[in-house]
Protein backbone atom coordinates (compact mmCIF):
# COMPACT_ATOMS: atom_id res chain seq x y z
CA MET A 1 -1.24 22.38 -21.16
CA PRO A 2 -4.05 24.99 -21.18
CA ASP A 3 -3.63 27.43 -24.02
CA SER A 4 -6.73 29.45 -24.96
CA GLU A 5 -9.89 30.61 -23.27
CA LEU A 6 -12.71 28.19 -23.96
CA VAL A 7 -15.18 29.78 -21.51
CA SER A 8 -15.11 33.31 -20.14
CA LEU A 9 -17.76 34.88 -17.93
CA ARG A 10 -17.46 38.56 -17.10
CA SER A 11 -19.64 40.23 -14.48
CA VAL A 12 -22.39 37.65 -14.99
CA SER A 13 -25.49 38.01 -12.85
CA LYS A 14 -28.63 35.90 -12.72
CA GLN A 15 -31.86 36.48 -10.82
CA PHE A 16 -35.06 34.48 -10.63
CA VAL A 17 -38.42 36.09 -9.88
CA ASP A 18 -40.85 34.23 -7.62
CA GLY A 19 -44.02 36.28 -7.27
CA ASN A 20 -42.90 39.55 -5.70
CA GLU A 21 -39.51 38.22 -4.65
CA VAL A 22 -36.30 38.45 -6.65
CA HIS A 23 -33.70 35.79 -5.84
CA THR A 24 -30.16 36.61 -6.90
CA VAL A 25 -28.35 33.37 -7.66
CA LEU A 26 -25.20 34.80 -9.29
CA ARG A 27 -23.80 38.29 -8.75
CA ASP A 28 -20.93 39.66 -10.84
CA CYS A 29 -19.55 36.16 -11.45
CA GLU A 30 -16.15 35.95 -13.12
CA LEU A 31 -14.78 32.70 -14.54
CA VAL A 32 -12.21 31.73 -17.14
CA MET A 33 -11.76 28.15 -18.31
CA ALA A 34 -8.81 27.50 -20.57
CA THR A 35 -8.80 24.76 -23.18
CA GLY A 36 -7.46 21.61 -21.56
CA SER A 37 -8.23 22.70 -17.99
CA SER A 38 -10.45 21.06 -15.38
CA ILE A 39 -12.50 23.08 -12.93
CA ALA A 40 -14.68 21.86 -10.06
CA LEU A 41 -17.40 24.18 -8.78
CA MET A 42 -18.15 23.49 -5.14
CA GLY A 43 -20.77 24.99 -2.90
CA ALA A 44 -23.91 24.37 -0.91
CA SER A 45 -27.12 23.23 -2.52
CA GLY A 46 -28.83 26.25 -4.08
CA SER A 47 -25.62 28.27 -4.39
CA GLY A 48 -25.86 28.57 -8.19
CA LYS A 49 -23.58 25.80 -9.49
CA SER A 50 -26.20 24.24 -11.78
CA THR A 51 -27.42 27.68 -12.84
CA LEU A 52 -23.89 28.65 -13.86
CA MET A 53 -23.53 25.44 -15.87
CA ASN A 54 -26.92 26.03 -17.51
CA ILE A 55 -25.82 29.54 -18.49
CA ILE A 56 -22.60 28.22 -20.04
CA ALA A 57 -24.59 25.59 -21.95
CA GLY A 58 -27.11 28.20 -23.15
CA PHE A 59 -30.04 26.55 -21.40
CA GLU A 60 -30.56 29.56 -19.13
CA PRO A 61 -30.18 33.23 -20.14
CA LEU A 62 -28.06 35.53 -18.01
CA ASN A 63 -29.51 38.81 -16.74
CA SER A 64 -26.32 40.82 -17.19
CA GLY A 65 -22.68 40.38 -18.06
CA ASP A 66 -20.84 38.68 -20.89
CA LEU A 67 -20.42 35.05 -21.85
CA ILE A 68 -17.69 34.26 -24.37
CA LEU A 69 -17.45 30.69 -25.65
CA ASP A 70 -14.49 29.54 -27.71
CA GLY A 71 -13.68 33.18 -28.52
CA GLN A 72 -17.23 34.14 -29.55
CA GLU A 73 -19.42 36.63 -27.68
CA THR A 74 -22.80 34.92 -27.20
CA SER A 75 -25.13 37.86 -26.48
CA GLN A 76 -26.41 37.94 -30.07
CA TRP A 77 -26.51 34.18 -30.61
CA ARG A 78 -29.70 32.77 -32.05
CA ASP A 79 -31.08 29.31 -31.33
CA SER A 80 -29.20 27.98 -34.36
CA ASP A 81 -25.89 29.30 -32.97
CA TRP A 82 -26.55 27.63 -29.62
CA SER A 83 -27.46 24.40 -31.41
CA GLU A 84 -24.20 24.45 -33.37
CA PHE A 85 -22.23 25.04 -30.17
CA ARG A 86 -24.00 22.19 -28.35
CA ILE A 87 -23.62 19.77 -31.25
CA HIS A 88 -19.97 20.44 -32.07
CA THR A 89 -18.37 21.74 -28.88
CA LEU A 90 -20.35 20.74 -25.78
CA GLY A 91 -20.98 17.51 -23.88
CA VAL A 92 -23.25 17.57 -20.82
CA VAL A 93 -23.81 15.03 -18.04
CA PHE A 94 -27.05 16.24 -16.50
CA GLN A 95 -27.84 15.91 -12.81
CA GLN A 96 -30.90 13.78 -13.69
CA PHE A 97 -29.12 12.15 -16.69
CA ASN A 98 -31.94 13.08 -19.16
CA LEU A 99 -31.63 9.86 -21.14
CA LEU A 100 -34.02 9.30 -24.03
CA THR A 101 -36.26 6.57 -22.58
CA PRO A 102 -37.75 5.27 -25.83
CA LEU A 103 -34.19 4.43 -26.96
CA ASN A 104 -31.76 1.73 -25.95
CA VAL A 105 -28.25 2.28 -24.59
CA ARG A 106 -26.52 2.26 -28.00
CA GLN A 107 -29.06 4.71 -29.45
CA ASN A 108 -28.65 7.07 -26.47
CA ILE A 109 -24.87 7.08 -26.81
CA ALA A 110 -25.12 7.57 -30.59
CA PHE A 111 -27.67 10.40 -30.37
CA PRO A 112 -25.14 13.28 -30.31
CA LEU A 113 -23.22 11.57 -33.13
CA SER A 114 -26.31 11.64 -35.34
CA LEU A 115 -26.78 15.34 -34.63
CA ALA A 116 -23.16 16.01 -35.65
CA GLN A 117 -23.55 13.72 -38.71
CA LYS A 118 -20.89 11.36 -37.35
CA GLN A 119 -20.83 7.58 -37.15
CA TRP A 120 -20.19 5.21 -34.26
CA ASN A 121 -16.41 4.76 -34.09
CA GLY A 122 -13.53 3.31 -32.09
CA TRP A 123 -13.85 6.08 -29.51
CA CYS A 124 -17.42 4.98 -28.79
CA ASP A 125 -16.25 1.38 -28.46
CA TYR A 126 -13.58 2.56 -26.02
CA LEU A 127 -16.15 4.47 -23.94
CA VAL A 128 -18.55 1.52 -23.88
CA ASP A 129 -15.79 -0.86 -22.79
CA THR A 130 -14.25 1.51 -20.22
CA LEU A 131 -17.61 2.35 -18.69
CA GLY A 132 -18.69 -1.29 -18.49
CA LEU A 133 -21.61 -0.94 -20.91
CA SER A 134 -20.68 -3.64 -23.46
CA GLY A 135 -23.36 -6.11 -22.36
CA LEU A 136 -26.06 -3.45 -22.09
CA LEU A 137 -26.09 -1.85 -25.56
CA ASP A 138 -29.42 -3.33 -26.62
CA ARG A 139 -31.21 -2.70 -23.31
CA HIS A 140 -33.67 0.14 -22.92
CA VAL A 141 -32.36 2.78 -20.54
CA ALA A 142 -35.51 2.65 -18.39
CA ALA A 143 -34.55 -0.92 -17.44
CA LEU A 144 -31.11 0.10 -16.14
CA SER A 145 -30.01 0.82 -12.58
CA GLY A 146 -29.19 4.41 -11.61
CA GLY A 147 -25.46 3.73 -11.83
CA GLN A 148 -25.83 2.17 -15.27
CA GLN A 149 -27.91 5.13 -16.45
CA GLN A 150 -25.22 7.47 -15.16
CA ARG A 151 -22.54 5.65 -17.15
CA VAL A 152 -24.71 5.85 -20.29
CA ALA A 153 -25.08 9.60 -19.70
CA ILE A 154 -21.29 9.94 -19.40
CA ALA A 155 -20.73 7.96 -22.62
CA ARG A 156 -23.34 10.05 -24.45
CA ALA A 157 -21.71 13.29 -23.27
CA LEU A 158 -18.28 12.15 -24.46
CA ALA A 159 -19.28 10.31 -27.67
CA SER A 160 -18.68 13.23 -30.03
CA GLU A 161 -15.38 14.17 -28.31
CA PRO A 162 -16.50 17.64 -27.19
CA LYS A 163 -14.06 20.44 -26.44
CA LEU A 164 -16.08 21.28 -23.31
CA LEU A 165 -17.62 18.80 -20.90
CA LEU A 166 -20.02 20.00 -18.20
CA ALA A 167 -20.92 17.44 -15.55
CA ASP A 168 -23.50 18.39 -12.95
CA GLU A 169 -23.02 16.66 -9.59
CA GLN A 170 -19.39 15.72 -10.25
CA ARG A 171 -19.21 14.19 -6.78
CA VAL A 172 -21.78 11.56 -7.75
CA ILE A 173 -19.75 10.67 -10.84
CA TRP A 174 -16.57 10.53 -8.78
CA MET A 175 -18.19 8.22 -6.23
CA SER A 176 -19.51 5.78 -8.84
CA ASN A 177 -16.07 5.62 -10.45
CA ARG A 178 -14.37 4.96 -7.14
CA GLN A 179 -16.78 2.09 -6.52
CA ARG A 180 -15.73 0.61 -9.86
CA GLY A 181 -12.08 0.91 -8.84
CA ASP A 182 -11.14 3.74 -11.17
CA ALA A 183 -8.97 6.56 -9.89
CA ALA A 184 -10.91 9.53 -11.26
CA PHE A 185 -13.50 10.70 -13.76
CA GLY A 186 -10.68 11.90 -16.01
CA ARG A 187 -9.80 8.27 -16.70
CA TYR A 188 -12.78 8.13 -19.03
CA TYR A 189 -11.63 11.06 -21.11
CA PRO A 190 -7.87 10.79 -21.60
CA ALA A 191 -5.91 13.50 -23.35
CA ARG A 192 -5.57 12.59 -27.03
């Protein structure tokens, strides 16, 4: 059951400047995500979904408004504050996966664990098994199919058991899971 606000955006606006043109992507956006909730952002390509996710993750600054994460106002956060949030609270499945190509599957999944000074554990084994990655752990990610890379990206995002998971292009994740016979993305991240 949702209980506290994990993400709160208040009157958030974002513009991009292209030469002499200003493109408003978000205007007075309001959003509240409670702990334990699931939200799907839907809209046409270019409507600001990825921009909104990038703002929440701290990859993109907002032009105006307030972003509160896990009860903390972020306007005065430094890079170190954002790093702490990303390491200990956030998991991201990027639209392009952003896997670390010099590394193998196991090393990619373990990367956020090393940042959080955690070790590979039973949860990681569960993710690897559930996502069908057991036979691929020693393979380099560049040698994987797109679907395999996507599953590695999901495992990496969930490895440190983040409070907040942001998955860009949720529809693509949903489709790959349906092809594997699973009911929904949530199957990979059960309530614990």
